[in-house]
Full PDB file with SEQRES, HELIX, SHEET, SSBOND, CRYST1, ORIGX, SCALE, CONECT and MASTER records, all heavy atoms in Angstrom:
SEQRES   1 A   32  THR GLY ARG PRO ALA ARG VAL HIS LEU LYS ILE ASP THR          
SEQRES   2 A   32  GLY LEU GLY ARG ASN GLY ILE MET PRO ALA ASP LEU PRO          
SEQRES   3 A   32  GLY ALA VAL ALA ARG ALA                                      
HELIX    1 AA1 PRO A   22  ASP A   24  5                                   3    
HELIX    2 AA2 LEU A   25  ARG A   31  1                                   7    
CRYST1    1.000    1.000    1.000  90.00  90.00  90.00 P 1           1          
ORIGX1      1.000000  0.000000  0.000000        0.00000                         
ORIGX2      0.000000  1.000000  0.000000        0.00000                         
ORIGX3      0.000000  0.000000  1.000000        0.00000                         
SCALE1      1.000000  0.000000  0.000000        0.00000                         
SCALE2      0.000000  1.000000  0.000000        0.00000                         
SCALE3      0.000000  0.000000  1.000000        0.00000                         
ATOM      1  N   THR A   1     -20.988 -10.221   4.686  1.00  0.00           N  
ATOM      2  CA  THR A   1     -20.828 -11.269   5.698  1.00  0.00           C  
ATOM      3  C   THR A   1     -20.357 -10.739   7.031  1.00  0.00           C  
ATOM      4  O   THR A   1     -20.427 -11.450   8.043  1.00  0.00           O  
ATOM      5  CB  THR A   1     -19.813 -12.317   5.209  1.00  0.00           C  
ATOM      6  OG1 THR A   1     -18.526 -11.689   5.009  1.00  0.00           O  
ATOM      7  CG2 THR A   1     -20.274 -12.980   3.923  1.00  0.00           C  
ATOM      8  N   GLY A   2     -19.835  -9.517   7.015  1.00  0.00           N  
ATOM      9  CA  GLY A   2     -19.270  -8.984   8.241  1.00  0.00           C  
ATOM     10  C   GLY A   2     -17.938  -9.586   8.610  1.00  0.00           C  
ATOM     11  O   GLY A   2     -17.473  -9.459   9.754  1.00  0.00           O  
ATOM     12  N   ARG A   3     -17.292 -10.259   7.635  1.00  0.00           N  
ATOM     13  CA  ARG A   3     -15.991 -10.888   7.862  1.00  0.00           C  
ATOM     14  C   ARG A   3     -14.950 -10.218   6.975  1.00  0.00           C  
ATOM     15  O   ARG A   3     -15.011 -10.372   5.729  1.00  0.00           O  
ATOM     16  CB  ARG A   3     -16.034 -12.384   7.575  1.00  0.00           C  
ATOM     17  CG  ARG A   3     -16.999 -13.170   8.448  1.00  0.00           C  
ATOM     18  CD  ARG A   3     -17.015 -14.640   8.058  1.00  0.00           C  
ATOM     19  NE  ARG A   3     -15.730 -15.266   8.308  1.00  0.00           N  
ATOM     20  CZ  ARG A   3     -15.446 -15.992   9.395  1.00  0.00           C  
ATOM     21  NH1 ARG A   3     -16.366 -16.129  10.354  1.00  0.00           N  
ATOM     22  NH2 ARG A   3     -14.272 -16.552   9.544  1.00  0.00           N  
ATOM     23  N   PRO A   4     -13.993  -9.505   7.514  1.00  0.00           N  
ATOM     24  CA  PRO A   4     -12.956  -8.876   6.688  1.00  0.00           C  
ATOM     25  C   PRO A   4     -12.202  -9.945   5.890  1.00  0.00           C  
ATOM     26  O   PRO A   4     -11.961 -11.064   6.353  1.00  0.00           O  
ATOM     27  CB  PRO A   4     -12.048  -8.194   7.718  1.00  0.00           C  
ATOM     28  CG  PRO A   4     -12.905  -7.992   8.908  1.00  0.00           C  
ATOM     29  CD  PRO A   4     -13.848  -9.169   8.948  1.00  0.00           C  
ATOM     30  N   ALA A   5     -11.807  -9.578   4.687  1.00  0.00           N  
ATOM     31  CA  ALA A   5     -11.126 -10.502   3.776  1.00  0.00           C  
ATOM     32  C   ALA A   5      -9.606 -10.355   3.927  1.00  0.00           C  
ATOM     33  O   ALA A   5      -9.090  -9.240   3.940  1.00  0.00           O  
ATOM     34  CB  ALA A   5     -11.526 -10.224   2.339  1.00  0.00           C  
ATOM     35  N   ARG A   6      -8.920 -11.490   4.014  1.00  0.00           N  
ATOM     36  CA  ARG A   6      -7.455 -11.489   3.921  1.00  0.00           C  
ATOM     37  C   ARG A   6      -7.084 -11.646   2.449  1.00  0.00           C  
ATOM     38  O   ARG A   6      -7.434 -12.651   1.820  1.00  0.00           O  
ATOM     39  CB  ARG A   6      -6.840 -12.624   4.747  1.00  0.00           C  
ATOM     40  CG  ARG A   6      -6.976 -12.418   6.255  1.00  0.00           C  
ATOM     41  CD  ARG A   6      -6.034 -13.363   7.003  1.00  0.00           C  
ATOM     42  NE  ARG A   6      -6.267 -14.750   6.644  1.00  0.00           N  
ATOM     43  CZ  ARG A   6      -7.131 -15.549   7.276  1.00  0.00           C  
ATOM     44  NH1 ARG A   6      -7.858 -15.086   8.284  1.00  0.00           N  
ATOM     45  NH2 ARG A   6      -7.258 -16.793   6.898  1.00  0.00           N  
ATOM     46  N   VAL A   7      -6.361 -10.669   1.932  1.00  0.00           N  
ATOM     47  CA  VAL A   7      -6.094 -10.575   0.492  1.00  0.00           C  
ATOM     48  C   VAL A   7      -4.598 -10.635   0.219  1.00  0.00           C  
ATOM     49  O   VAL A   7      -3.798 -10.025   0.951  1.00  0.00           O  
ATOM     50  CB  VAL A   7      -6.686  -9.266  -0.051  1.00  0.00           C  
ATOM     51  CG1 VAL A   7      -6.144  -8.947  -1.439  1.00  0.00           C  
ATOM     52  CG2 VAL A   7      -8.207  -9.358  -0.086  1.00  0.00           C  
ATOM     53  N   HIS A   8      -4.236 -11.357  -0.839  1.00  0.00           N  
ATOM     54  CA  HIS A   8      -2.862 -11.362  -1.349  1.00  0.00           C  
ATOM     55  C   HIS A   8      -2.915 -10.723  -2.737  1.00  0.00           C  
ATOM     56  O   HIS A   8      -3.662 -11.167  -3.614  1.00  0.00           O  
ATOM     57  CB  HIS A   8      -2.322 -12.781  -1.484  1.00  0.00           C  
ATOM     58  CG  HIS A   8      -2.224 -13.542  -0.205  1.00  0.00           C  
ATOM     59  ND1 HIS A   8      -1.044 -14.104   0.236  1.00  0.00           N  
ATOM     60  CD2 HIS A   8      -3.168 -13.834   0.741  1.00  0.00           C  
ATOM     61  CE1 HIS A   8      -1.257 -14.725   1.400  1.00  0.00           C  
ATOM     62  NE2 HIS A   8      -2.545 -14.568   1.722  1.00  0.00           N  
ATOM     63  N   LEU A   9      -2.135  -9.681  -2.950  1.00  0.00           N  
ATOM     64  CA  LEU A   9      -2.076  -9.029  -4.253  1.00  0.00           C  
ATOM     65  C   LEU A   9      -1.134  -9.783  -5.170  1.00  0.00           C  
ATOM     66  O   LEU A   9       0.054  -9.927  -4.869  1.00  0.00           O  
ATOM     67  CB  LEU A   9      -1.622  -7.583  -4.111  1.00  0.00           C  
ATOM     68  CG  LEU A   9      -2.505  -6.665  -3.256  1.00  0.00           C  
ATOM     69  CD1 LEU A   9      -1.892  -5.275  -3.187  1.00  0.00           C  
ATOM     70  CD2 LEU A   9      -3.923  -6.604  -3.828  1.00  0.00           C  
ATOM     71  N   LYS A  10      -1.663 -10.305  -6.260  1.00  0.00           N  
ATOM     72  CA  LYS A  10      -0.858 -11.064  -7.232  1.00  0.00           C  
ATOM     73  C   LYS A  10      -0.297 -10.094  -8.264  1.00  0.00           C  
ATOM     74  O   LYS A  10      -1.038  -9.370  -8.934  1.00  0.00           O  
ATOM     75  CB  LYS A  10      -1.724 -12.124  -7.905  1.00  0.00           C  
ATOM     76  CG  LYS A  10      -1.039 -12.886  -9.070  1.00  0.00           C  
ATOM     77  CD  LYS A  10      -0.004 -13.850  -8.556  1.00  0.00           C  
ATOM     78  CE  LYS A  10       0.648 -14.629  -9.694  1.00  0.00           C  
ATOM     79  NZ  LYS A  10      -0.296 -15.554 -10.365  1.00  0.00           N  
ATOM     80  N   ILE A  11       1.038 -10.082  -8.400  1.00  0.00           N  
ATOM     81  CA  ILE A  11       1.712  -9.162  -9.318  1.00  0.00           C  
ATOM     82  C   ILE A  11       2.222  -9.934 -10.529  1.00  0.00           C  
ATOM     83  O   ILE A  11       2.884 -10.973 -10.374  1.00  0.00           O  
ATOM     84  CB  ILE A  11       2.895  -8.460  -8.614  1.00  0.00           C  
ATOM     85  CG1 ILE A  11       2.489  -7.938  -7.225  1.00  0.00           C  
ATOM     86  CG2 ILE A  11       3.424  -7.342  -9.485  1.00  0.00           C  
ATOM     87  CD1 ILE A  11       1.366  -6.961  -7.209  1.00  0.00           C  
ATOM     88  N   ASP A  12       1.930  -9.427 -11.711  1.00  0.00           N  
ATOM     89  CA  ASP A  12       2.507 -10.016 -12.926  1.00  0.00           C  
ATOM     90  C   ASP A  12       3.890  -9.387 -13.103  1.00  0.00           C  
ATOM     91  O   ASP A  12       4.035  -8.290 -13.618  1.00  0.00           O  
ATOM     92  CB  ASP A  12       1.627  -9.735 -14.152  1.00  0.00           C  
ATOM     93  CG  ASP A  12       2.145 -10.416 -15.401  1.00  0.00           C  
ATOM     94  OD1 ASP A  12       3.305 -10.899 -15.408  1.00  0.00           O  
ATOM     95  OD2 ASP A  12       1.382 -10.496 -16.396  1.00  0.00           O  
ATOM     96  N   THR A  13       4.909 -10.106 -12.666  1.00  0.00           N  
ATOM     97  CA  THR A  13       6.286  -9.599 -12.729  1.00  0.00           C  
ATOM     98  C   THR A  13       6.997 -10.021 -13.998  1.00  0.00           C  
ATOM     99  O   THR A  13       8.198  -9.740 -14.151  1.00  0.00           O  
ATOM    100  CB  THR A  13       7.102 -10.080 -11.504  1.00  0.00           C  
ATOM    101  OG1 THR A  13       7.102 -11.516 -11.500  1.00  0.00           O  
ATOM    102  CG2 THR A  13       6.499  -9.556 -10.219  1.00  0.00           C  
ATOM    103  N   GLY A  14       6.288 -10.684 -14.896  1.00  0.00           N  
ATOM    104  CA  GLY A  14       6.940 -11.060 -16.149  1.00  0.00           C  
ATOM    105  C   GLY A  14       6.431 -12.354 -16.759  1.00  0.00           C  
ATOM    106  O   GLY A  14       6.805 -12.700 -17.885  1.00  0.00           O  
ATOM    107  N   LEU A  15       5.562 -13.085 -16.052  1.00  0.00           N  
ATOM    108  CA  LEU A  15       5.041 -14.337 -16.631  1.00  0.00           C  
ATOM    109  C   LEU A  15       4.006 -14.068 -17.717  1.00  0.00           C  
ATOM    110  O   LEU A  15       3.826 -14.868 -18.623  1.00  0.00           O  
ATOM    111  CB  LEU A  15       4.431 -15.185 -15.510  1.00  0.00           C  
ATOM    112  CG  LEU A  15       3.857 -16.555 -15.908  1.00  0.00           C  
ATOM    113  CD1 LEU A  15       4.908 -17.430 -16.567  1.00  0.00           C  
ATOM    114  CD2 LEU A  15       3.254 -17.258 -14.703  1.00  0.00           C  
ATOM    115  N   GLY A  16       3.324 -12.925 -17.637  1.00  0.00           N  
ATOM    116  CA  GLY A  16       2.331 -12.613 -18.657  1.00  0.00           C  
ATOM    117  C   GLY A  16       1.086 -13.462 -18.520  1.00  0.00           C  
ATOM    118  O   GLY A  16       0.436 -13.775 -19.521  1.00  0.00           O  
ATOM    119  N   ARG A  17       0.725 -13.784 -17.285  1.00  0.00           N  
ATOM    120  CA  ARG A  17      -0.422 -14.629 -17.052  1.00  0.00           C  
ATOM    121  C   ARG A  17      -1.331 -13.882 -16.072  1.00  0.00           C  
ATOM    122  O   ARG A  17      -1.576 -12.690 -16.245  1.00  0.00           O  
ATOM    123  CB  ARG A  17       0.040 -15.980 -16.495  1.00  0.00           C  
ATOM    124  CG  ARG A  17      -0.891 -17.156 -16.790  1.00  0.00           C  
ATOM    125  CD  ARG A  17      -0.292 -18.493 -16.402  1.00  0.00           C  
ATOM    126  NE  ARG A  17       0.000 -18.584 -14.959  1.00  0.00           N  
ATOM    127  CZ  ARG A  17       0.457 -19.703 -14.380  1.00  0.00           C  
ATOM    128  NH1 ARG A  17       0.707 -20.769 -15.112  1.00  0.00           N  
ATOM    129  NH2 ARG A  17       0.685 -19.733 -13.088  1.00  0.00           N  
ATOM    130  N   ASN A  18      -1.829 -14.503 -15.052  1.00  0.00           N  
ATOM    131  CA  ASN A  18      -2.708 -13.830 -14.110  1.00  0.00           C  
ATOM    132  C   ASN A  18      -1.896 -12.872 -13.215  1.00  0.00           C  
ATOM    133  O   ASN A  18      -0.774 -13.195 -12.822  1.00  0.00           O  
ATOM    134  CB  ASN A  18      -3.428 -14.865 -13.246  1.00  0.00           C  
ATOM    135  CG  ASN A  18      -4.763 -14.382 -12.746  1.00  0.00           C  
ATOM    136  OD1 ASN A  18      -5.430 -13.609 -13.413  1.00  0.00           O  
ATOM    137  ND2 ASN A  18      -5.152 -14.825 -11.559  1.00  0.00           N  
ATOM    138  N   GLY A  19      -2.454 -11.703 -12.907  1.00  0.00           N  
ATOM    139  CA  GLY A  19      -1.761 -10.796 -12.024  1.00  0.00           C  
ATOM    140  C   GLY A  19      -1.935  -9.338 -12.422  1.00  0.00           C  
ATOM    141  O   GLY A  19      -2.278  -9.023 -13.585  1.00  0.00           O  
ATOM    142  N   ILE A  20      -1.639  -8.475 -11.486  1.00  0.00           N  
ATOM    143  CA  ILE A  20      -1.731  -7.026 -11.718  1.00  0.00           C  
ATOM    144  C   ILE A  20      -0.441  -6.557 -12.393  1.00  0.00           C  
ATOM    145  O   ILE A  20       0.658  -6.837 -11.913  1.00  0.00           O  
ATOM    146  CB  ILE A  20      -1.906  -6.283 -10.379  1.00  0.00           C  
ATOM    147  CG1 ILE A  20      -3.152  -6.779  -9.655  1.00  0.00           C  
ATOM    148  CG2 ILE A  20      -1.959  -4.781 -10.593  1.00  0.00           C  
ATOM    149  CD1 ILE A  20      -3.237  -6.337  -8.201  1.00  0.00           C  
ATOM    150  N   MET A  21      -0.570  -5.859 -13.500  1.00  0.00           N  
ATOM    151  CA  MET A  21       0.602  -5.317 -14.174  1.00  0.00           C  
ATOM    152  C   MET A  21       1.211  -4.205 -13.325  1.00  0.00           C  
ATOM    153  O   MET A  21       0.496  -3.443 -12.664  1.00  0.00           O  
ATOM    154  CB  MET A  21       0.229  -4.769 -15.544  1.00  0.00           C  
ATOM    155  CG  MET A  21      -0.197  -5.867 -16.543  1.00  0.00           C  
ATOM    156  SD  MET A  21       1.144  -7.045 -16.890  1.00  0.00           S  
ATOM    157  CE  MET A  21       2.263  -6.010 -17.802  1.00  0.00           C  
ATOM    158  N   PRO A  22       2.542  -4.075 -13.309  1.00  0.00           N  
ATOM    159  CA  PRO A  22       3.185  -3.040 -12.492  1.00  0.00           C  
ATOM    160  C   PRO A  22       2.636  -1.645 -12.756  1.00  0.00           C  
ATOM    161  O   PRO A  22       2.499  -0.841 -11.822  1.00  0.00           O  
ATOM    162  CB  PRO A  22       4.656  -3.168 -12.879  1.00  0.00           C  
ATOM    163  CG  PRO A  22       4.817  -4.603 -13.242  1.00  0.00           C  
ATOM    164  CD  PRO A  22       3.543  -4.984 -13.940  1.00  0.00           C  
ATOM    165  N   ALA A  23       2.309  -1.347 -14.019  1.00  0.00           N  
ATOM    166  CA  ALA A  23       1.795  -0.015 -14.337  1.00  0.00           C  
ATOM    167  C   ALA A  23       0.433   0.241 -13.667  1.00  0.00           C  
ATOM    168  O   ALA A  23       0.052   1.403 -13.422  1.00  0.00           O  
ATOM    169  CB  ALA A  23       1.669   0.151 -15.842  1.00  0.00           C  
ATOM    170  N   ASP A  24      -0.311  -0.838 -13.408  1.00  0.00           N  
ATOM    171  CA  ASP A  24      -1.635  -0.716 -12.813  1.00  0.00           C  
ATOM    172  C   ASP A  24      -1.595  -0.819 -11.283  1.00  0.00           C  
ATOM    173  O   ASP A  24      -2.638  -0.657 -10.624  1.00  0.00           O  
ATOM    174  CB  ASP A  24      -2.578  -1.781 -13.359  1.00  0.00           C  
ATOM    175  CG  ASP A  24      -2.771  -1.670 -14.862  1.00  0.00           C  
ATOM    176  OD1 ASP A  24      -2.772  -0.535 -15.363  1.00  0.00           O  
ATOM    177  OD2 ASP A  24      -2.916  -2.730 -15.521  1.00  0.00           O  
ATOM    178  N   LEU A  25      -0.445  -1.112 -10.733  1.00  0.00           N  
ATOM    179  CA  LEU A  25      -0.360  -1.395  -9.305  1.00  0.00           C  
ATOM    180  C   LEU A  25      -0.684  -0.183  -8.437  1.00  0.00           C  
ATOM    181  O   LEU A  25      -1.411  -0.322  -7.434  1.00  0.00           O  
ATOM    182  CB  LEU A  25       1.018  -1.963  -8.956  1.00  0.00           C  
ATOM    183  CG  LEU A  25       1.198  -2.386  -7.506  1.00  0.00           C  
ATOM    184  CD1 LEU A  25       0.193  -3.485  -7.137  1.00  0.00           C  
ATOM    185  CD2 LEU A  25       2.626  -2.880  -7.263  1.00  0.00           C  
ATOM    186  N   PRO A  26      -0.201   1.028  -8.741  1.00  0.00           N  
ATOM    187  CA  PRO A  26      -0.523   2.160  -7.844  1.00  0.00           C  
ATOM    188  C   PRO A  26      -2.019   2.349  -7.639  1.00  0.00           C  
ATOM    189  O   PRO A  26      -2.463   2.589  -6.513  1.00  0.00           O  
ATOM    190  CB  PRO A  26       0.128   3.346  -8.553  1.00  0.00           C  
ATOM    191  CG  PRO A  26       1.290   2.747  -9.293  1.00  0.00           C  
ATOM    192  CD  PRO A  26       0.771   1.427  -9.791  1.00  0.00           C  
ATOM    193  N   GLY A  27      -2.786   2.232  -8.707  1.00  0.00           N  
ATOM    194  CA  GLY A  27      -4.233   2.375  -8.582  1.00  0.00           C  
ATOM    195  C   GLY A  27      -4.832   1.267  -7.733  1.00  0.00           C  
ATOM    196  O   GLY A  27      -5.727   1.509  -6.900  1.00  0.00           O  
ATOM    197  N   ALA A  28      -4.356   0.027  -7.956  1.00  0.00           N  
ATOM    198  CA  ALA A  28      -4.876  -1.109  -7.178  1.00  0.00           C  
ATOM    199  C   ALA A  28      -4.521  -0.965  -5.713  1.00  0.00           C  
ATOM    200  O   ALA A  28      -5.349  -1.267  -4.816  1.00  0.00           O  
ATOM    201  CB  ALA A  28      -4.328  -2.417  -7.731  1.00  0.00           C  
ATOM    202  N   VAL A  29      -3.320  -0.485  -5.431  1.00  0.00           N  
ATOM    203  CA  VAL A  29      -2.886  -0.323  -4.041  1.00  0.00           C  
ATOM    204  C   VAL A  29      -3.688   0.782  -3.349  1.00  0.00           C  
ATOM    205  O   VAL A  29      -4.096   0.647  -2.198  1.00  0.00           O  
ATOM    206  CB  VAL A  29      -1.375  -0.019  -3.980  1.00  0.00           C  
ATOM    207  CG1 VAL A  29      -0.976   0.411  -2.570  1.00  0.00           C  
ATOM    208  CG2 VAL A  29      -0.586  -1.255  -4.401  1.00  0.00           C  
ATOM    209  N   ALA A  30      -3.954   1.874  -4.068  1.00  0.00           N  
ATOM    210  CA  ALA A  30      -4.762   2.938  -3.487  1.00  0.00           C  
ATOM    211  C   ALA A  30      -6.153   2.442  -3.137  1.00  0.00           C  
ATOM    212  O   ALA A  30      -6.699   2.774  -2.071  1.00  0.00           O  
ATOM    213  CB  ALA A  30      -4.836   4.122  -4.474  1.00  0.00           C  
ATOM    214  N   ARG A  31      -6.731   1.651  -4.030  1.00  0.00           N  
ATOM    215  CA  ARG A  31      -8.050   1.084  -3.766  1.00  0.00           C  
ATOM    216  C   ARG A  31      -7.992   0.127  -2.574  1.00  0.00           C  
ATOM    217  O   ARG A  31      -8.862   0.161  -1.697  1.00  0.00           O  
ATOM    218  CB  ARG A  31      -8.574   0.379  -5.020  1.00  0.00           C  
ATOM    219  CG  ARG A  31      -9.938  -0.280  -4.845  1.00  0.00           C  
ATOM    220  CD  ARG A  31     -11.015   0.734  -4.559  1.00  0.00           C  
ATOM    221  NE  ARG A  31     -12.328   0.119  -4.501  1.00  0.00           N  
ATOM    222  CZ  ARG A  31     -13.316   0.578  -3.746  1.00  0.00           C  
ATOM    223  NH1 ARG A  31     -13.132   1.660  -3.003  1.00  0.00           N  
ATOM    224  NH2 ARG A  31     -14.479  -0.009  -3.751  1.00  0.00           N  
ATOM    225  N   ALA A  32      -6.964  -0.715  -2.537  1.00  0.00           N  
ATOM    226  CA  ALA A  32      -6.823  -1.672  -1.433  1.00  0.00           C  
ATOM    227  C   ALA A  32      -6.638  -0.942  -0.104  1.00  0.00           C  
ATOM    228  O   ALA A  32      -7.197  -1.353   0.921  1.00  0.00           O  
ATOM    229  CB  ALA A  32      -5.638  -2.612  -1.706  1.00  0.00           C  
TER     230      ALA A  32                                                      
MASTER        0    0    0    2    0    0    0    6  229    1    0    3          
END                                                                             
């Protein structure tokens, strides 16, 4: 689309539902 995306990283801090697990966060951050 040529439109940059505004993104919010959702972190699973303990709810055990939707979100990036802390152990997986470094990889996700590097990609972001």
